[in-house]
């Protein structure tokens, strides 16, 4: 099966879950459908790296030069080395990943402001911790997390705002220790995987964090429109 080359083609790519690839593959396909709803006349496919053959099939169907949107939070090894290698030299255009999208801080500010409004809290009296993956081998994850946090802090003036990591210092279990319950944790993750389900709650419990625990930023409904905008700007 091949595509009509006159139709704009896009493929959303994520890590997926190697131990059980099908649920993540289904969730990503649903996201691709929502993105396509914002892009009349486009074909939007999806593939996780964990699902054997999924990316290769999507590329075969997507024509010679599809846009590839990495649903990753970091512009690092996966986007710069692994993904191009998996594409096998195809003339696909790889867009910047979700975590570096310039619209993400605005989206996060809106989400957090909505949560504060429900509780009649003011940002100036609220503490924020952004929970991120981090890495013991590279500064890329921390770099992009800190860039996001800096941009978000420029939009909302929190009492305290800091990042906490799963795999490097400052660890989330330490960064999430506040002297108040008026606090928010925003996971800087693209999907609801093992770190979000297990590691973040464990770290927050260790920190005796009693504030608001938000869903990972990449799972919010508004993400579909933001991805569509990025695709349109690069290929429309």
Protein backbone atom coordinates (compact mmCIF):
# COMPACT_ATOMS: atom_id res chain seq x y z
CA UNK A 1 0.00 0.00 0.00
CA UNK A 2 1.38 3.40 -0.96
CA UNK A 3 0.17 6.91 -0.36
CA UNK A 4 -1.01 9.61 -2.69
CA UNK A 5 2.07 11.82 -2.80
CA UNK A 6 -0.09 14.93 -3.27
CA UNK A 7 -1.55 14.42 0.21
CA UNK A 8 0.58 15.74 3.09
CA UNK A 9 1.86 12.81 5.12
CA UNK A 10 2.89 12.78 8.77
CA UNK A 11 3.98 10.11 11.23
CA UNK A 12 3.92 10.59 15.01
CA UNK A 13 6.59 8.47 16.68
CA UNK A 14 7.00 7.63 20.37
CA UNK A 15 9.04 5.28 22.55
CA UNK A 16 6.26 2.85 23.34
CA UNK A 17 6.55 0.06 25.88
CA UNK A 18 8.87 -2.83 24.88
CA UNK A 19 7.46 -5.23 27.48
CA UNK A 20 3.88 -4.73 26.23
CA UNK A 21 3.87 -2.69 23.00
CA UNK A 22 0.22 -2.95 21.90
CA UNK A 23 -1.49 -0.62 24.44
CA UNK A 24 0.93 2.23 23.76
CA UNK A 25 0.58 1.63 20.03
CA UNK A 26 -3.20 1.96 20.35
CA UNK A 27 -2.97 5.12 22.46
CA UNK A 28 -0.62 6.72 19.93
CA UNK A 29 -2.93 5.80 17.05
CA UNK A 30 -5.78 7.53 18.86
CA UNK A 31 -3.64 10.64 19.23
CA UNK A 32 -2.82 10.53 15.51
CA UNK A 33 -6.55 10.44 14.74
CA UNK A 34 -7.13 13.53 16.90
CA UNK A 35 -4.25 15.33 15.22
CA UNK A 36 -5.67 14.43 11.80
CA UNK A 37 -8.95 16.01 12.89
CA UNK A 38 -7.13 19.35 12.97
CA UNK A 39 -5.52 18.79 9.56
CA UNK A 40 -8.15 18.30 6.83
CA UNK A 41 -6.59 16.78 3.74
CA UNK A 42 -3.66 15.23 5.62
CA UNK A 43 -2.88 11.62 6.41
CA UNK A 44 -1.47 11.21 9.92
CA UNK A 45 -0.07 7.85 10.97
CA UNK A 46 1.68 6.71 14.12
CA UNK A 47 4.28 4.20 15.25
CA UNK A 48 6.09 3.35 18.47
CA UNK A 49 9.71 2.28 18.32
CA UNK A 50 8.87 -0.61 20.64
CA UNK A 51 6.39 -2.26 18.26
CA UNK A 52 8.27 -4.48 15.83
CA UNK A 53 7.80 -3.29 12.26
CA UNK A 54 5.44 -0.43 13.14
CA UNK A 55 7.71 2.40 12.03
CA UNK A 56 8.79 0.57 8.90
CA UNK A 57 5.15 -0.04 7.92
CA UNK A 58 4.19 3.59 8.57
CA UNK A 59 7.13 4.77 6.46
CA UNK A 60 6.20 2.43 3.61
CA UNK A 61 2.67 3.81 3.62
CA UNK A 62 3.73 7.42 4.13
CA UNK A 63 5.44 8.07 0.84
CA UNK A 64 9.00 9.26 0.17
CA UNK A 65 9.15 12.40 2.32
CA UNK A 66 6.75 12.30 5.28
CA UNK A 67 6.99 14.64 8.24
CA UNK A 68 8.00 12.76 11.37
CA UNK A 69 6.91 14.23 14.71
CA UNK A 70 8.84 12.80 17.69
CA UNK A 71 6.58 12.49 20.73
CA UNK A 72 9.65 12.77 22.95
CA UNK A 73 10.47 15.31 25.64
CA UNK A 74 14.19 15.58 24.85
CA UNK A 75 16.11 16.50 21.74
CA UNK A 76 18.89 14.00 22.26
CA UNK A 77 20.07 10.53 21.39
CA UNK A 78 16.67 9.15 20.41
CA UNK A 79 15.80 12.04 18.09
CA UNK A 80 19.29 12.70 16.71
CA UNK A 81 20.68 9.17 16.41
CA UNK A 82 18.19 6.36 17.04
CA UNK A 83 15.26 7.74 15.05
CA UNK A 84 17.29 8.62 11.91
CA UNK A 85 18.88 5.17 12.09
CA UNK A 86 15.48 3.50 12.30
CA UNK A 87 14.29 5.54 9.32
CA UNK A 88 17.05 3.87 7.34
CA UNK A 89 18.14 6.83 5.28
CA UNK A 90 14.63 7.74 4.14
CA UNK A 91 14.12 11.36 3.14
CA UNK A 92 11.74 12.02 5.99
CA UNK A 93 11.80 15.40 7.69
CA UNK A 94 12.14 14.99 11.46
CA UNK A 95 10.54 17.86 13.37
CA UNK A 96 11.71 19.10 16.77
CA UNK A 97 10.31 16.93 19.58
CA UNK A 98 7.32 17.72 21.77
CA UNK A 99 9.41 18.77 24.77
CA UNK A 100 11.00 21.64 22.83
CA UNK A 101 7.82 22.88 21.15
CA UNK A 102 7.60 26.64 21.78
CA UNK A 103 3.87 26.30 22.46
CA UNK A 104 4.33 23.88 25.34
CA UNK A 105 4.98 26.44 28.11
CA UNK A 106 1.80 28.33 27.18
CA UNK A 107 -0.17 25.10 27.23
CA UNK A 108 1.27 24.17 30.62
CA UNK A 109 0.54 27.64 32.02
CA UNK A 110 -3.09 27.31 30.97
CA UNK A 111 -3.41 23.88 32.55
CA UNK A 112 -1.84 24.97 35.83
CA UNK A 113 -3.82 28.22 35.96
CA UNK A 114 -7.00 26.21 35.55
CA UNK A 115 -6.05 23.99 38.49
CA UNK A 116 -5.15 26.99 40.63
CA UNK A 117 -8.46 28.63 39.79
CA UNK A 118 -10.41 25.60 40.97
CA UNK A 119 -8.74 25.92 44.36
CA UNK A 120 -8.70 29.73 44.56
CA UNK A 121 -4.91 29.62 44.73
CA UNK A 122 -2.54 32.30 43.46
CA UNK A 123 0.62 31.35 41.60
CA UNK A 124 2.69 33.65 43.80
CA UNK A 125 1.74 31.54 46.80
CA UNK A 126 2.12 28.18 45.04
CA UNK A 127 5.15 25.92 44.67
CA UNK A 128 5.77 24.03 41.43
CA UNK A 129 7.91 20.98 40.77
CA UNK A 130 8.35 19.71 37.23
CA UNK A 131 9.02 15.97 37.34
CA UNK A 132 11.31 14.83 34.56
CA UNK A 133 13.29 11.79 33.47
CA UNK A 134 16.82 13.09 33.68
CA UNK A 135 19.86 11.01 32.79
CA UNK A 136 23.09 9.92 34.40
CA UNK A 137 24.82 9.96 31.01
CA UNK A 138 23.71 13.16 29.29
CA UNK A 139 22.56 16.66 30.17
CA UNK A 140 20.08 16.75 27.30
CA UNK A 141 17.04 15.82 29.39
CA UNK A 142 17.87 18.31 32.13
CA UNK A 143 18.69 20.98 29.54
CA UNK A 144 15.30 20.74 27.84
CA UNK A 145 13.46 20.44 31.16
CA UNK A 146 15.17 23.54 32.52
CA UNK A 147 14.43 25.44 29.31
CA UNK A 148 10.76 24.51 29.61
CA UNK A 149 10.68 25.42 33.31
CA UNK A 150 12.34 28.76 32.63
CA UNK A 151 9.81 29.62 29.93
CA UNK A 152 6.91 28.52 32.15
CA UNK A 153 8.23 30.57 35.06
CA UNK A 154 8.35 33.58 32.77
CA UNK A 155 4.61 33.20 32.23
CA UNK A 156 3.61 32.48 35.84
CA UNK A 157 5.40 33.79 38.90
CA UNK A 158 5.41 30.91 41.39
CA UNK A 159 6.52 31.10 45.00
CA UNK A 160 9.07 28.38 44.14
CA UNK A 161 9.60 26.53 40.86
CA UNK A 162 12.11 23.75 40.36
CA UNK A 163 12.73 20.53 38.50
CA UNK A 164 13.16 17.08 40.01
CA UNK A 165 14.45 14.03 38.17
CA UNK A 166 14.05 10.26 38.25
CA UNK A 167 17.59 9.40 37.14
CA UNK A 168 19.77 12.31 38.25
CA UNK A 169 20.09 14.94 40.95
CA UNK A 170 18.22 16.90 42.06
CA UNK A 171 16.02 13.84 42.50
CA UNK A 172 12.28 14.30 42.55
CA UNK A 173 11.99 12.91 46.08
CA UNK A 174 14.12 15.88 47.21
CA UNK A 175 12.87 18.59 44.86
CA UNK A 176 9.24 17.92 45.81
CA UNK A 177 9.77 18.65 49.52
CA UNK A 178 7.90 21.85 50.30
CA UNK A 179 6.76 23.44 53.56
CA UNK A 180 3.21 23.79 52.22
CA UNK A 181 0.41 21.75 50.71
CA UNK A 182 -0.18 24.52 48.15
CA UNK A 183 1.98 22.90 45.52
CA UNK A 184 1.68 21.40 42.04
CA UNK A 185 3.63 18.59 40.36
CA UNK A 186 3.66 18.59 36.57
CA UNK A 187 5.22 15.50 34.95
CA UNK A 188 7.33 16.51 31.95
CA UNK A 189 6.56 13.26 30.14
CA UNK A 190 4.96 12.47 26.81
CA UNK A 191 2.94 9.46 27.93
CA UNK A 192 1.67 7.58 30.95
CA UNK A 193 4.43 4.97 31.12
CA UNK A 194 6.22 3.23 33.94
CA UNK A 195 7.96 6.32 35.28
CA UNK A 196 4.65 8.19 35.53
CA UNK A 197 2.72 5.25 36.95
CA UNK A 198 5.32 4.02 39.45
CA UNK A 199 8.40 6.19 39.94
CA UNK A 200 6.80 9.62 40.21
CA UNK A 201 4.14 8.64 42.77
CA UNK A 202 6.77 6.80 44.81
CA UNK A 203 9.07 9.83 44.82
CA UNK A 204 6.23 12.19 45.73
CA UNK A 205 5.19 9.90 48.58
CA UNK A 206 8.78 9.84 49.84
CA UNK A 207 8.77 13.64 49.75
CA UNK A 208 5.47 13.72 51.68
CA UNK A 209 4.13 15.80 48.79
CA UNK A 210 0.49 16.68 49.49
CA UNK A 211 -0.16 19.04 46.60
CA UNK A 212 -1.84 18.58 43.21
CA UNK A 213 -0.54 15.76 41.04
CA UNK A 214 -1.22 16.59 37.39
CA UNK A 215 -1.33 14.23 34.43
CA UNK A 216 1.79 14.16 32.24
CA UNK A 217 1.86 17.16 29.94
CA UNK A 218 1.96 15.00 26.80
CA UNK A 219 -1.40 13.38 27.59
CA UNK A 220 -3.49 16.55 27.71
CA UNK A 221 -6.18 16.86 25.01
CA UNK A 222 -4.75 20.16 23.75
CA UNK A 223 -1.56 18.40 22.66
CA UNK A 224 -3.25 17.19 19.46
CA UNK A 225 -3.90 20.74 18.25
CA UNK A 226 -0.34 21.77 19.14
CA UNK A 227 1.14 18.87 17.15
CA UNK A 228 -1.13 19.76 14.23
CA UNK A 229 0.16 23.34 14.33
CA UNK A 230 3.76 22.15 14.26
CA UNK A 231 3.06 19.86 11.31
CA UNK A 232 1.18 22.57 9.42
CA UNK A 233 3.98 25.08 9.98
CA UNK A 234 6.58 22.66 8.61
CA UNK A 235 4.62 21.09 5.82
CA UNK A 236 1.55 23.12 5.03
